[in-house]
Amino acid sequence: MAEPAKKVAQQTEDRLEELAEAVRKKFDKVTEGTYRDRVVAGGSAEQGDHGGDKSRAESERKQD
């Protein structure tokens, strides 16, 4: 890749990283950090997984 193209790619990557951080901050402010904190801690995933497994198991039993 030519040097000017590398420079543009790096600038774009830097801008995207800054944008992602700004979006995270605004999202945390709106949700008061609760949703992101639960996701990072694994709380939301655990709650959703248990319910999905149960309904999946019930539907499999009905088909037998």
PDB file of N, CA and C in Angstrom:
ATOM      1  N   MET A   1       0.850  -1.170   0.000  1.00  0.00           N
ATOM      2  CA  MET A   1       0.000   0.000   0.000  1.00  0.00           C
ATOM      3  C   MET A   1       0.899   1.237   0.000  1.00  0.00           C
ATOM      4  N   ALA A   2       0.531   2.216  -0.766  1.00  0.00           N
ATOM      5  CA  ALA A   2       1.318   3.440  -0.853  1.00  0.00           C
ATOM      6  C   ALA A   2       1.227   4.213   0.458  1.00  0.00           C
ATOM      7  N   GLU A   3       2.225   5.022   0.721  1.00  0.00           N
ATOM      8  CA  GLU A   3       2.278   5.788   1.975  1.00  0.00           C
ATOM      9  C   GLU A   3       1.052   6.676   2.187  1.00  0.00           C
ATOM     10  N   PRO A   4       0.597   7.424   1.173  1.00  0.00           N
ATOM     11  CA  PRO A   4      -0.597   8.256   1.401  1.00  0.00           C
ATOM     12  C   PRO A   4      -1.826   7.409   1.774  1.00  0.00           C
ATOM     13  N   ALA A   5      -1.941   6.249   1.162  1.00  0.00           N
ATOM     14  CA  ALA A   5      -3.073   5.377   1.465  1.00  0.00           C
ATOM     15  C   ALA A   5      -2.976   4.841   2.890  1.00  0.00           C
ATOM     16  N   LYS A   6      -1.772   4.512   3.339  1.00  0.00           N
ATOM     17  CA  LYS A   6      -1.571   4.042   4.709  1.00  0.00           C
ATOM     18  C   LYS A   6      -1.929   5.137   5.711  1.00  0.00           C
ATOM     19  N   LYS A   7      -1.544   6.368   5.375  1.00  0.00           N
ATOM     20  CA  LYS A   7      -1.832   7.496   6.258  1.00  0.00           C
ATOM     21  C   LYS A   7      -3.341   7.710   6.375  1.00  0.00           C
ATOM     22  N   VAL A   8      -4.047   7.646   5.258  1.00  0.00           N
ATOM     23  CA  VAL A   8      -5.496   7.811   5.263  1.00  0.00           C
ATOM     24  C   VAL A   8      -6.151   6.670   6.041  1.00  0.00           C
ATOM     25  N   ALA A   9      -5.671   5.459   5.852  1.00  0.00           N
ATOM     26  CA  ALA A   9      -6.226   4.309   6.570  1.00  0.00           C
ATOM     27  C   ALA A   9      -6.015   4.459   8.073  1.00  0.00           C
ATOM     28  N   GLN A  10      -4.850   4.912   8.485  1.00  0.00           N
ATOM     29  CA  GLN A  10      -4.570   5.104   9.906  1.00  0.00           C
ATOM     30  C   GLN A  10      -5.452   6.203  10.495  1.00  0.00           C
ATOM     31  N   GLN A  11      -5.616   7.290   9.764  1.00  0.00           N
ATOM     32  CA  GLN A  11      -6.472   8.380  10.234  1.00  0.00           C
ATOM     33  C   GLN A  11      -7.917   7.900  10.377  1.00  0.00           C
ATOM     34  N   THR A  12      -8.368   7.115   9.416  1.00  0.00           N
ATOM     35  CA  THR A  12      -9.729   6.583   9.465  1.00  0.00           C
ATOM     36  C   THR A  12      -9.901   5.666  10.668  1.00  0.00           C
ATOM     37  N   GLU A  13      -8.932   4.805  10.903  1.00  0.00           N
ATOM     38  CA  GLU A  13      -8.987   3.903  12.049  1.00  0.00           C
ATOM     39  C   GLU A  13      -9.025   4.695  13.365  1.00  0.00           C
ATOM     40  N   ASP A  14      -8.203   5.729  13.459  1.00  0.00           N
ATOM     41  CA  ASP A  14      -8.181   6.555  14.664  1.00  0.00           C
ATOM     42  C   ASP A  14      -9.535   7.236  14.894  1.00  0.00           C
ATOM     43  N   ARG A  15     -10.109   7.743  13.821  1.00  0.00           N
ATOM     44  CA  ARG A  15     -11.412   8.407  13.936  1.00  0.00           C
ATOM     45  C   ARG A  15     -12.491   7.426  14.365  1.00  0.00           C
ATOM     46  N   LEU A  16     -12.455   6.218  13.812  1.00  0.00           N
ATOM     47  CA  LEU A  16     -13.443   5.219  14.186  1.00  0.00           C
ATOM     48  C   LEU A  16     -13.309   4.816  15.654  1.00  0.00           C
ATOM     49  N   GLU A  17     -12.077   4.707  16.140  1.00  0.00           N
ATOM     50  CA  GLU A  17     -11.858   4.386  17.547  1.00  0.00           C
ATOM     51  C   GLU A  17     -12.403   5.495  18.444  1.00  0.00           C
ATOM     52  N   GLU A  18     -12.171   6.737  18.052  1.00  0.00           N
ATOM     53  CA  GLU A  18     -12.693   7.869  18.818  1.00  0.00           C
ATOM     54  C   GLU A  18     -14.223   7.881  18.791  1.00  0.00           C
ATOM     55  N   LEU A  19     -14.795   7.593  17.652  1.00  0.00           N
ATOM     56  CA  LEU A  19     -16.245   7.544  17.522  1.00  0.00           C
ATOM     57  C   LEU A  19     -16.827   6.436  18.397  1.00  0.00           C
ATOM     58  N   ALA A  20     -16.212   5.266  18.369  1.00  0.00           N
ATOM     59  CA  ALA A  20     -16.691   4.146  19.187  1.00  0.00           C
ATOM     60  C   ALA A  20     -16.658   4.502  20.670  1.00  0.00           C
ATOM     61  N   GLU A  21     -15.598   5.147  21.110  1.00  0.00           N
ATOM     62  CA  GLU A  21     -15.490   5.552  22.510  1.00  0.00           C
ATOM     63  C   GLU A  21     -16.561   6.575  22.862  1.00  0.00           C
ATOM     64  N   ALA A  22     -16.813   7.521  21.974  1.00  0.00           N
ATOM     65  CA  ALA A  22     -17.846   8.527  22.222  1.00  0.00           C
ATOM     66  C   ALA A  22     -19.224   7.876  22.316  1.00  0.00           C
ATOM     67  N   VAL A  23     -19.487   6.916  21.449  1.00  0.00           N
ATOM     68  CA  VAL A  23     -20.771   6.215  21.474  1.00  0.00           C
ATOM     69  C   VAL A  23     -20.907   5.429  22.775  1.00  0.00           C
ATOM     70  N   ARG A  24     -19.840   4.754  23.204  1.00  0.00           N
ATOM     71  CA  ARG A  24     -19.874   4.014  24.475  1.00  0.00           C
ATOM     72  C   ARG A  24     -20.185   4.942  25.641  1.00  0.00           C
ATOM     73  N   LYS A  25     -19.535   6.089  25.669  1.00  0.00           N
ATOM     74  CA  LYS A  25     -19.762   7.046  26.760  1.00  0.00           C
ATOM     75  C   LYS A  25     -21.203   7.543  26.767  1.00  0.00           C
ATOM     76  N   LYS A  26     -21.730   7.883  25.589  1.00  0.00           N
ATOM     77  CA  LYS A  26     -23.104   8.364  25.515  1.00  0.00           C
ATOM     78  C   LYS A  26     -24.086   7.265  25.894  1.00  0.00           C
ATOM     79  N   PHE A  27     -23.833   6.054  25.453  1.00  0.00           N
ATOM     80  CA  PHE A  27     -24.709   4.931  25.789  1.00  0.00           C
ATOM     81  C   PHE A  27     -24.705   4.692  27.293  1.00  0.00           C
ATOM     82  N   ASP A  28     -23.511   4.711  27.901  1.00  0.00           N
ATOM     83  CA  ASP A  28     -23.419   4.535  29.351  1.00  0.00           C
ATOM     84  C   ASP A  28     -24.143   5.650  30.092  1.00  0.00           C
ATOM     85  N   LYS A  29     -24.063   6.848  29.572  1.00  0.00           N
ATOM     86  CA  LYS A  29     -24.745   7.974  30.212  1.00  0.00           C
ATOM     87  C   LYS A  29     -26.258   7.788  30.138  1.00  0.00           C
ATOM     88  N   VAL A  30     -26.752   7.368  28.980  1.00  0.00           N
ATOM     89  CA  VAL A  30     -28.184   7.174  28.797  1.00  0.00           C
ATOM     90  C   VAL A  30     -28.692   6.022  29.668  1.00  0.00           C
ATOM     91  N   THR A  31     -27.960   4.930  29.705  1.00  0.00           N
ATOM     92  CA  THR A  31     -28.398   3.753  30.463  1.00  0.00           C
ATOM     93  C   THR A  31     -27.843   3.750  31.873  1.00  0.00           C
ATOM     94  N   GLU A  32     -27.114   4.802  32.228  1.00  0.00           N
ATOM     95  CA  GLU A  32     -26.458   4.927  33.523  1.00  0.00           C
ATOM     96  C   GLU A  32     -25.506   3.770  33.776  1.00  0.00           C
ATOM     97  N   GLY A  33     -24.966   3.206  32.695  1.00  0.00           N
ATOM     98  CA  GLY A  33     -23.965   2.156  32.812  1.00  0.00           C
ATOM     99  C   GLY A  33     -24.516   0.793  33.163  1.00  0.00           C
ATOM    100  N   THR A  34     -25.794   0.672  33.451  1.00  0.00           N
ATOM    101  CA  THR A  34     -26.312  -0.591  33.957  1.00  0.00           C
ATOM    102  C   THR A  34     -26.267  -1.701  32.910  1.00  0.00           C
ATOM    103  N   TYR A  35     -26.715  -1.450  31.710  1.00  0.00           N
ATOM    104  CA  TYR A  35     -26.754  -2.502  30.690  1.00  0.00           C
ATOM    105  C   TYR A  35     -25.352  -2.990  30.356  1.00  0.00           C
ATOM    106  N   ARG A  36     -24.449  -2.061  30.096  1.00  0.00           N
ATOM    107  CA  ARG A  36     -23.080  -2.436  29.738  1.00  0.00           C
ATOM    108  C   ARG A  36     -22.412  -3.181  30.891  1.00  0.00           C
ATOM    109  N   ASP A  37     -22.645  -2.738  32.116  1.00  0.00           N
ATOM    110  CA  ASP A  37     -22.056  -3.409  33.268  1.00  0.00           C
ATOM    111  C   ASP A  37     -22.546  -4.853  33.373  1.00  0.00           C
ATOM    112  N   ARG A  38     -23.840  -5.067  33.127  1.00  0.00           N
ATOM    113  CA  ARG A  38     -24.373  -6.434  33.182  1.00  0.00           C
ATOM    114  C   ARG A  38     -23.793  -7.294  32.080  1.00  0.00           C
ATOM    115  N   VAL A  39     -23.647  -6.742  30.879  1.00  0.00           N
ATOM    116  CA  VAL A  39     -23.094  -7.503  29.767  1.00  0.00           C
ATOM    117  C   VAL A  39     -21.647  -7.874  30.058  1.00  0.00           C
ATOM    118  N   VAL A  40     -20.876  -6.905  30.534  1.00  0.00           N
ATOM    119  CA  VAL A  40     -19.471  -7.163  30.839  1.00  0.00           C
ATOM    120  C   VAL A  40     -19.358  -8.208  31.944  1.00  0.00           C
ATOM    121  N   ALA A  41     -20.240  -8.150  32.944  1.00  0.00           N
ATOM    122  CA  ALA A  41     -20.213  -9.102  34.049  1.00  0.00           C
ATOM    123  C   ALA A  41     -20.795 -10.459  33.651  1.00  0.00           C
ATOM    124  N   GLY A  42     -21.481 -10.515  32.525  1.00  0.00           N
ATOM    125  CA  GLY A  42     -22.061 -11.769  32.067  1.00  0.00           C
ATOM    126  C   GLY A  42     -23.464 -12.007  32.591  1.00  0.00           C
ATOM    127  N   GLY A  43     -24.054 -11.063  33.269  1.00  0.00           N
ATOM    128  CA  GLY A  43     -25.384 -11.238  33.842  1.00  0.00           C
ATOM    129  C   GLY A  43     -26.471 -11.399  32.807  1.00  0.00           C
ATOM    130  N   SER A  44     -26.454 -10.598  31.769  1.00  0.00           N
ATOM    131  CA  SER A  44     -27.504 -10.672  30.758  1.00  0.00           C
ATOM    132  C   SER A  44     -27.420 -11.974  29.979  1.00  0.00           C
ATOM    133  N   ALA A  45     -26.225 -12.399  29.657  1.00  0.00           N
ATOM    134  CA  ALA A  45     -26.052 -13.621  28.876  1.00  0.00           C
ATOM    135  C   ALA A  45     -26.549 -14.832  29.653  1.00  0.00           C
ATOM    136  N   GLU A  46     -26.264 -14.873  30.948  1.00  0.00           N
ATOM    137  CA  GLU A  46     -26.682 -16.015  31.746  1.00  0.00           C
ATOM    138  C   GLU A  46     -28.195 -16.093  31.829  1.00  0.00           C
ATOM    139  N   GLN A  47     -28.862 -14.971  32.026  1.00  0.00           N
ATOM    140  CA  GLN A  47     -30.312 -14.979  32.138  1.00  0.00           C
ATOM    141  C   GLN A  47     -30.958 -15.432  30.831  1.00  0.00           C
ATOM    142  N   GLY A  48     -30.480 -14.925  29.717  1.00  0.00           N
ATOM    143  CA  GLY A  48     -31.064 -15.290  28.426  1.00  0.00           C
ATOM    144  C   GLY A  48     -30.795 -16.725  28.047  1.00  0.00           C
ATOM    145  N   ASP A  49     -29.632 -17.236  28.374  1.00  0.00           N
ATOM    146  CA  ASP A  49     -29.275 -18.602  27.992  1.00  0.00           C
ATOM    147  C   ASP A  49     -30.141 -19.628  28.695  1.00  0.00           C
ATOM    148  N   HIS A  50     -30.436 -19.437  29.957  1.00  0.00           N
ATOM    149  CA  HIS A  50     -31.207 -20.425  30.693  1.00  0.00           C
ATOM    150  C   HIS A  50     -32.609 -20.555  30.114  1.00  0.00           C
ATOM    151  N   GLY A  51     -33.231 -19.433  29.818  1.00  0.00           N
ATOM    152  CA  GLY A  51     -34.581 -19.470  29.267  1.00  0.00           C
ATOM    153  C   GLY A  51     -34.616 -20.117  27.897  1.00  0.00           C
ATOM    154  N   GLY A  52     -33.630 -19.837  27.082  1.00  0.00           N
ATOM    155  CA  GLY A  52     -33.584 -20.410  25.736  1.00  0.00           C
ATOM    156  C   GLY A  52     -33.367 -21.900  25.768  1.00  0.00           C
ATOM    157  N   ASP A  53     -32.533 -22.381  26.651  1.00  0.00           N
ATOM    158  CA  ASP A  53     -32.274 -23.811  26.759  1.00  0.00           C
ATOM    159  C   ASP A  53     -33.520 -24.551  27.213  1.00  0.00           C
ATOM    160  N   LYS A  54     -34.246 -23.974  28.139  1.00  0.00           N
ATOM    161  CA  LYS A  54     -35.442 -24.606  28.667  1.00  0.00           C
ATOM    162  C   LYS A  54     -36.501 -24.741  27.573  1.00  0.00           C
ATOM    163  N   SER A  55     -36.751 -23.669  26.838  1.00  0.00           N
ATOM    164  CA  SER A  55     -37.768 -23.727  25.794  1.00  0.00           C
ATOM    165  C   SER A  55     -37.338 -24.654  24.665  1.00  0.00           C
ATOM    166  N   ARG A  56     -36.051 -24.693  24.371  1.00  0.00           N
ATOM    167  CA  ARG A  56     -35.543 -25.582  23.334  1.00  0.00           C
ATOM    168  C   ARG A  56     -35.741 -27.032  23.759  1.00  0.00           C
ATOM    169  N   ALA A  57     -35.447 -27.345  25.015  1.00  0.00           N
ATOM    170  CA  ALA A  57     -35.600 -28.703  25.510  1.00  0.00           C
ATOM    171  C   ALA A  57     -37.064 -29.123  25.493  1.00  0.00           C
ATOM    172  N   GLU A  58     -37.965 -28.195  25.840  1.00  0.00           N
ATOM    173  CA  GLU A  58     -39.391 -28.512  25.834  1.00  0.00           C
ATOM    174  C   GLU A  58     -39.883 -28.803  24.429  1.00  0.00           C
ATOM    175  N   SER A  59     -39.430 -28.032  23.451  1.00  0.00           N
ATOM    176  CA  SER A  59     -39.879 -28.257  22.076  1.00  0.00           C
ATOM    177  C   SER A  59     -39.334 -29.568  21.529  1.00  0.00           C
ATOM    178  N   GLU A  60     -38.128 -29.949  21.952  1.00  0.00           N
ATOM    179  CA  GLU A  60     -37.569 -31.219  21.517  1.00  0.00           C
ATOM    180  C   GLU A  60     -38.371 -32.383  22.101  1.00  0.00           C
ATOM    181  N   ARG A  61     -38.825 -32.261  23.345  1.00  0.00           N
ATOM    182  CA  ARG A  61     -39.621 -33.319  23.959  1.00  0.00           C
ATOM    183  C   ARG A  61     -40.969 -33.454  23.260  1.00  0.00           C
ATOM    184  N   LYS A  62     -41.550 -32.352  22.850  1.00  0.00           N
ATOM    185  CA  LYS A  62     -42.838 -32.381  22.184  1.00  0.00           C
ATOM    186  C   LYS A  62     -42.741 -33.100  20.837  1.00  0.00           C
ATOM    187  N   GLN A  63     -41.616 -32.960  20.165  1.00  0.00           N
ATOM    188  CA  GLN A  63     -41.441 -33.574  18.850  1.00  0.00           C
ATOM    189  C   GLN A  63     -41.258 -35.071  18.947  1.00  0.00           C
ATOM    190  N   ASP A  64     -40.746 -35.578  20.060  1.00  0.00           N
ATOM    191  CA  ASP A  64     -40.489 -37.021  20.225  1.00  0.00           C
ATOM    192  C   ASP A  64     -41.712 -37.804  20.313  1.00  0.00           C
TER     193      ASP A  64
END
